[in-house]
């Protein structure tokens, strides 16, 4: 239970930080899921208690997959650049924040 509480607090910190970025909005899905969007386009799916899906540029996506930081999303999401980040017991705030900012910038170029 302690790990779940930590992951939930961690998600709140990350989401709070991302909502400070100009143009970022949160759109509720249901009780445990919601999206972070820019210009109406999703760049991250938050799945409580311990998973974030992000859309990344191809080079960054392949890098995080090769390093074991993320796993592939199911099709068709994989083809669209999405990866799955599991938070685990000791999530790394700076690394995850960098990936979310990269996702935000990448998605912003598609608008």
N, C-alpha and C. Protein backbone atom coordinates (compact mmCIF):
# COMPACT_ATOMS: atom_id res chain seq x y z
N UNK A 1 0.81 -1.19 0.00
CA UNK A 1 0.00 0.00 0.00
C UNK A 1 0.86 1.26 0.00
N UNK A 2 1.98 1.24 0.70
CA UNK A 2 2.85 2.40 0.75
C UNK A 2 3.34 2.77 -0.65
N UNK A 3 3.74 1.79 -1.47
CA UNK A 3 4.20 2.05 -2.83
C UNK A 3 3.12 2.69 -3.67
N UNK A 4 1.85 2.26 -3.49
CA UNK A 4 0.76 2.84 -4.25
C UNK A 4 0.54 4.29 -3.85
N UNK A 5 0.58 4.58 -2.55
CA UNK A 5 0.41 5.95 -2.08
C UNK A 5 1.52 6.84 -2.63
N UNK A 6 2.74 6.34 -2.66
CA UNK A 6 3.87 7.09 -3.20
C UNK A 6 3.66 7.37 -4.67
N UNK A 7 3.23 6.36 -5.43
CA UNK A 7 3.00 6.53 -6.87
C UNK A 7 1.90 7.55 -7.12
N UNK A 8 0.82 7.50 -6.32
CA UNK A 8 -0.27 8.47 -6.50
C UNK A 8 0.21 9.89 -6.21
N UNK A 9 0.99 10.09 -5.14
CA UNK A 9 1.53 11.40 -4.83
C UNK A 9 2.46 11.88 -5.92
N UNK A 10 3.24 10.97 -6.45
CA UNK A 10 4.17 11.27 -7.53
C UNK A 10 3.41 11.74 -8.77
N UNK A 11 2.32 11.04 -9.11
CA UNK A 11 1.52 11.45 -10.27
C UNK A 11 0.94 12.84 -10.07
N UNK A 12 0.49 13.14 -8.87
CA UNK A 12 -0.06 14.47 -8.60
C UNK A 12 0.99 15.55 -8.80
N UNK A 13 2.22 15.28 -8.37
CA UNK A 13 3.32 16.24 -8.54
C UNK A 13 3.59 16.47 -10.02
N UNK A 14 3.70 15.37 -10.77
CA UNK A 14 4.01 15.47 -12.21
C UNK A 14 2.90 16.22 -12.94
N UNK A 15 1.66 15.84 -12.68
CA UNK A 15 0.55 16.48 -13.37
C UNK A 15 0.49 17.96 -13.00
N UNK A 16 0.66 18.28 -11.73
CA UNK A 16 0.66 19.68 -11.31
C UNK A 16 1.73 20.48 -12.02
N UNK A 17 2.91 19.89 -12.17
CA UNK A 17 4.00 20.57 -12.87
C UNK A 17 3.67 20.77 -14.35
N UNK A 18 3.12 19.74 -14.99
CA UNK A 18 2.82 19.84 -16.42
C UNK A 18 1.69 20.84 -16.68
N UNK A 19 0.75 20.99 -15.74
CA UNK A 19 -0.33 21.95 -15.94
C UNK A 19 0.16 23.40 -15.88
N UNK A 20 1.39 23.61 -15.41
CA UNK A 20 1.98 24.95 -15.41
C UNK A 20 2.56 25.32 -16.78
N UNK A 21 2.72 24.33 -17.66
CA UNK A 21 3.27 24.57 -19.00
C UNK A 21 2.18 25.24 -19.84
N UNK A 22 2.53 26.32 -20.55
CA UNK A 22 1.52 27.04 -21.35
C UNK A 22 0.78 26.12 -22.33
N UNK A 23 -0.55 26.18 -22.30
CA UNK A 23 -1.38 25.43 -23.24
C UNK A 23 -1.72 24.02 -22.81
N UNK A 24 -1.18 23.53 -21.70
CA UNK A 24 -1.47 22.16 -21.26
C UNK A 24 -2.78 22.16 -20.48
N UNK A 25 -3.63 21.20 -20.83
CA UNK A 25 -4.91 21.02 -20.16
C UNK A 25 -5.06 19.56 -19.77
N UNK A 26 -5.81 19.31 -18.71
CA UNK A 26 -6.15 17.94 -18.31
C UNK A 26 -7.58 17.66 -18.74
N UNK A 27 -7.80 16.48 -19.32
CA UNK A 27 -9.15 16.08 -19.69
C UNK A 27 -9.45 14.76 -19.00
N UNK A 28 -10.47 14.77 -18.16
CA UNK A 28 -10.85 13.57 -17.42
C UNK A 28 -11.41 12.51 -18.33
N UNK A 29 -11.00 11.26 -18.06
CA UNK A 29 -11.58 10.11 -18.74
C UNK A 29 -12.58 9.47 -17.79
N UNK A 30 -12.05 8.91 -16.71
CA UNK A 30 -12.88 8.36 -15.65
C UNK A 30 -12.14 8.55 -14.33
N UNK A 31 -12.52 7.83 -13.32
CA UNK A 31 -11.95 8.04 -11.99
C UNK A 31 -10.43 7.85 -11.95
N UNK A 32 -9.93 6.90 -12.70
CA UNK A 32 -8.51 6.57 -12.62
C UNK A 32 -7.68 6.99 -13.83
N UNK A 33 -8.30 7.50 -14.87
CA UNK A 33 -7.58 7.83 -16.09
C UNK A 33 -7.92 9.25 -16.55
N UNK A 34 -6.91 9.92 -17.08
CA UNK A 34 -7.16 11.21 -17.74
C UNK A 34 -6.00 11.49 -18.68
N UNK A 35 -6.18 12.50 -19.52
CA UNK A 35 -5.17 12.86 -20.50
C UNK A 35 -4.61 14.23 -20.22
N UNK A 36 -3.36 14.42 -20.60
CA UNK A 36 -2.78 15.75 -20.69
C UNK A 36 -2.78 16.10 -22.18
N UNK A 37 -3.25 17.29 -22.50
CA UNK A 37 -3.41 17.69 -23.90
C UNK A 37 -2.79 19.06 -24.15
N UNK A 38 -2.40 19.25 -25.38
CA UNK A 38 -1.96 20.57 -25.85
C UNK A 38 -2.69 20.80 -27.18
N UNK A 39 -3.34 21.93 -27.31
CA UNK A 39 -4.10 22.22 -28.53
C UNK A 39 -5.16 21.18 -28.83
N UNK A 40 -5.70 20.56 -27.80
CA UNK A 40 -6.73 19.54 -27.97
C UNK A 40 -6.21 18.16 -28.31
N UNK A 41 -4.89 18.00 -28.44
CA UNK A 41 -4.29 16.72 -28.81
C UNK A 41 -3.58 16.11 -27.60
N UNK A 42 -3.87 14.85 -27.32
CA UNK A 42 -3.28 14.17 -26.17
C UNK A 42 -1.79 13.93 -26.38
N UNK A 43 -1.01 14.19 -25.34
CA UNK A 43 0.41 13.84 -25.36
C UNK A 43 0.77 12.90 -24.22
N UNK A 44 -0.13 12.73 -23.25
CA UNK A 44 0.11 11.78 -22.15
C UNK A 44 -1.23 11.27 -21.63
N UNK A 45 -1.26 9.98 -21.34
CA UNK A 45 -2.42 9.36 -20.68
C UNK A 45 -1.96 8.93 -19.30
N UNK A 46 -2.63 9.41 -18.29
CA UNK A 46 -2.30 9.07 -16.90
C UNK A 46 -3.25 7.95 -16.48
N UNK A 47 -2.69 6.84 -16.07
CA UNK A 47 -3.47 5.69 -15.62
C UNK A 47 -3.09 5.42 -14.17
N UNK A 48 -3.94 5.86 -13.25
CA UNK A 48 -3.65 5.65 -11.84
C UNK A 48 -3.75 4.17 -11.52
N UNK A 49 -2.92 3.62 -10.66
CA UNK A 49 -2.06 4.37 -9.77
C UNK A 49 -0.61 4.51 -10.24
N UNK A 50 -0.19 3.83 -11.32
CA UNK A 50 1.26 3.75 -11.52
C UNK A 50 1.72 3.67 -12.97
N UNK A 51 0.95 4.25 -13.90
CA UNK A 51 1.35 4.14 -15.30
C UNK A 51 1.05 5.44 -16.04
N UNK A 52 2.00 5.82 -16.91
CA UNK A 52 1.81 6.96 -17.80
C UNK A 52 2.18 6.52 -19.20
N UNK A 53 1.30 6.78 -20.16
CA UNK A 53 1.59 6.54 -21.56
C UNK A 53 1.93 7.88 -22.18
N UNK A 54 3.02 7.94 -22.94
CA UNK A 54 3.42 9.20 -23.58
C UNK A 54 3.71 8.96 -25.06
N UNK A 55 3.48 10.01 -25.86
CA UNK A 55 3.77 9.99 -27.29
C UNK A 55 5.13 10.67 -27.48
N UNK A 56 6.06 9.98 -28.12
CA UNK A 56 7.43 10.50 -28.27
C UNK A 56 7.87 10.51 -29.72
N UNK A 57 8.83 11.38 -30.04
CA UNK A 57 9.41 11.34 -31.38
C UNK A 57 10.12 9.99 -31.57
N UNK A 58 10.21 9.50 -32.81
CA UNK A 58 10.76 8.17 -33.06
C UNK A 58 12.13 7.91 -32.44
N UNK A 59 13.05 8.87 -32.51
CA UNK A 59 14.39 8.64 -31.96
C UNK A 59 14.36 8.51 -30.43
N UNK A 60 13.58 9.35 -29.77
CA UNK A 60 13.48 9.28 -28.31
C UNK A 60 12.76 7.99 -27.90
N UNK A 61 11.71 7.65 -28.64
CA UNK A 61 10.97 6.41 -28.36
C UNK A 61 11.90 5.21 -28.42
N UNK A 62 12.66 5.08 -29.47
CA UNK A 62 13.54 3.92 -29.61
C UNK A 62 14.62 3.91 -28.53
N UNK A 63 15.09 5.09 -28.13
CA UNK A 63 16.09 5.19 -27.08
C UNK A 63 15.54 4.69 -25.74
N UNK A 64 14.34 5.15 -25.35
CA UNK A 64 13.79 4.72 -24.06
C UNK A 64 13.41 3.25 -24.07
N UNK A 65 13.01 2.74 -25.23
CA UNK A 65 12.71 1.30 -25.33
C UNK A 65 14.00 0.48 -25.19
N UNK A 66 15.05 0.91 -25.88
CA UNK A 66 16.33 0.19 -25.83
C UNK A 66 16.93 0.21 -24.43
N UNK A 67 16.72 1.29 -23.69
CA UNK A 67 17.27 1.41 -22.34
C UNK A 67 16.37 0.77 -21.28
N UNK A 68 15.21 0.25 -21.69
CA UNK A 68 14.31 -0.41 -20.74
C UNK A 68 13.54 0.55 -19.85
N UNK A 69 13.51 1.81 -20.21
CA UNK A 69 12.79 2.80 -19.42
C UNK A 69 11.29 2.68 -19.65
N UNK A 70 10.91 2.23 -20.85
CA UNK A 70 9.50 2.13 -21.23
C UNK A 70 9.29 0.83 -22.00
N UNK A 71 8.02 0.50 -22.20
CA UNK A 71 7.67 -0.65 -23.03
C UNK A 71 6.75 -0.16 -24.15
N UNK A 72 6.63 -0.97 -25.18
CA UNK A 72 5.81 -0.60 -26.33
C UNK A 72 4.33 -0.59 -25.96
N UNK A 73 3.63 0.35 -26.56
CA UNK A 73 2.17 0.37 -26.46
C UNK A 73 1.61 -0.61 -27.49
N UNK A 74 0.41 -1.12 -27.26
CA UNK A 74 -0.21 -1.97 -28.28
C UNK A 74 -0.52 -1.16 -29.54
N UNK A 75 -0.62 -1.85 -30.67
CA UNK A 75 -1.01 -1.18 -31.92
C UNK A 75 -2.44 -0.70 -31.79
N UNK A 76 -2.83 0.38 -32.41
CA UNK A 76 -2.06 1.23 -33.31
C UNK A 76 -1.23 2.29 -32.58
N UNK A 77 -1.30 2.33 -31.26
CA UNK A 77 -0.60 3.36 -30.49
C UNK A 77 0.91 3.30 -30.68
N UNK A 78 1.46 2.10 -30.79
CA UNK A 78 2.91 1.97 -31.00
C UNK A 78 3.33 2.70 -32.27
N UNK A 79 2.58 2.52 -33.32
CA UNK A 79 2.86 3.16 -34.60
C UNK A 79 2.79 4.69 -34.50
N UNK A 80 1.96 5.19 -33.57
CA UNK A 80 1.78 6.62 -33.39
C UNK A 80 2.80 7.23 -32.43
N UNK A 81 3.74 6.39 -31.92
CA UNK A 81 4.81 6.91 -31.06
C UNK A 81 4.60 6.74 -29.57
N UNK A 82 3.53 6.06 -29.18
CA UNK A 82 3.23 5.92 -27.75
C UNK A 82 4.07 4.82 -27.10
N UNK A 83 4.48 5.08 -25.86
CA UNK A 83 5.16 4.08 -25.02
C UNK A 83 4.51 4.09 -23.65
N UNK A 84 4.74 3.01 -22.89
CA UNK A 84 4.18 2.85 -21.55
C UNK A 84 5.30 3.00 -20.53
N UNK A 85 5.11 3.91 -19.58
CA UNK A 85 6.06 4.10 -18.48
C UNK A 85 5.41 3.60 -17.19
N UNK A 86 6.01 2.58 -16.58
CA UNK A 86 5.54 2.10 -15.28
C UNK A 86 6.36 2.82 -14.22
N UNK A 87 5.69 3.35 -13.20
CA UNK A 87 6.40 4.16 -12.21
C UNK A 87 7.24 3.33 -11.25
N UNK A 88 6.80 2.16 -10.87
CA UNK A 88 7.60 1.32 -9.98
C UNK A 88 7.72 1.92 -8.59
N UNK A 89 8.63 1.35 -7.79
CA UNK A 89 8.80 1.74 -6.40
C UNK A 89 9.51 3.08 -6.22
N UNK A 90 10.48 3.39 -7.09
CA UNK A 90 11.26 4.62 -6.94
C UNK A 90 11.27 5.42 -8.24
N UNK A 91 10.14 6.06 -8.56
CA UNK A 91 10.09 6.81 -9.82
C UNK A 91 11.09 7.97 -9.81
N UNK A 92 11.63 8.24 -10.97
CA UNK A 92 12.62 9.30 -11.14
C UNK A 92 11.95 10.55 -11.70
N UNK A 93 11.66 11.50 -10.83
CA UNK A 93 10.93 12.71 -11.23
C UNK A 93 11.62 13.47 -12.36
N UNK A 94 12.92 13.77 -12.28
CA UNK A 94 13.54 14.54 -13.38
C UNK A 94 13.46 13.84 -14.74
N UNK A 95 13.72 12.54 -14.77
CA UNK A 95 13.69 11.81 -16.05
C UNK A 95 12.27 11.78 -16.62
N UNK A 96 11.30 11.52 -15.77
CA UNK A 96 9.92 11.46 -16.24
C UNK A 96 9.43 12.83 -16.69
N UNK A 97 9.80 13.85 -15.98
CA UNK A 97 9.42 15.21 -16.37
C UNK A 97 10.03 15.56 -17.73
N UNK A 98 11.29 15.18 -17.95
CA UNK A 98 11.92 15.44 -19.25
C UNK A 98 11.15 14.74 -20.38
N UNK A 99 10.75 13.48 -20.15
CA UNK A 99 10.01 12.75 -21.18
C UNK A 99 8.66 13.40 -21.45
N UNK A 100 7.98 13.85 -20.41
CA UNK A 100 6.70 14.52 -20.61
C UNK A 100 6.87 15.83 -21.38
N UNK A 101 7.94 16.57 -21.10
CA UNK A 101 8.19 17.80 -21.85
C UNK A 101 8.53 17.48 -23.31
N UNK A 102 9.27 16.40 -23.55
CA UNK A 102 9.57 16.01 -24.92
C UNK A 102 8.28 15.61 -25.64
N UNK A 103 7.41 14.91 -24.95
CA UNK A 103 6.13 14.53 -25.52
C UNK A 103 5.29 15.76 -25.85
N UNK A 104 5.27 16.70 -24.93
CA UNK A 104 4.55 17.96 -25.14
C UNK A 104 5.07 18.69 -26.39
N UNK A 105 6.40 18.83 -26.48
CA UNK A 105 6.98 19.54 -27.64
C UNK A 105 6.70 18.80 -28.94
N UNK A 106 6.86 17.46 -28.92
CA UNK A 106 6.61 16.65 -30.12
C UNK A 106 5.16 16.78 -30.57
N UNK A 107 4.24 16.66 -29.62
CA UNK A 107 2.82 16.76 -29.97
C UNK A 107 2.47 18.16 -30.45
N UNK A 108 3.11 19.18 -29.88
CA UNK A 108 2.87 20.56 -30.30
C UNK A 108 3.22 20.77 -31.76
N UNK A 109 4.22 20.03 -32.27
CA UNK A 109 4.60 20.17 -33.68
C UNK A 109 3.56 19.59 -34.63
N UNK A 110 2.63 18.78 -34.09
CA UNK A 110 1.59 18.16 -34.93
C UNK A 110 0.34 19.01 -35.05
N UNK A 111 0.30 20.12 -34.35
CA UNK A 111 -0.92 20.94 -34.34
C UNK A 111 -1.06 21.75 -35.61
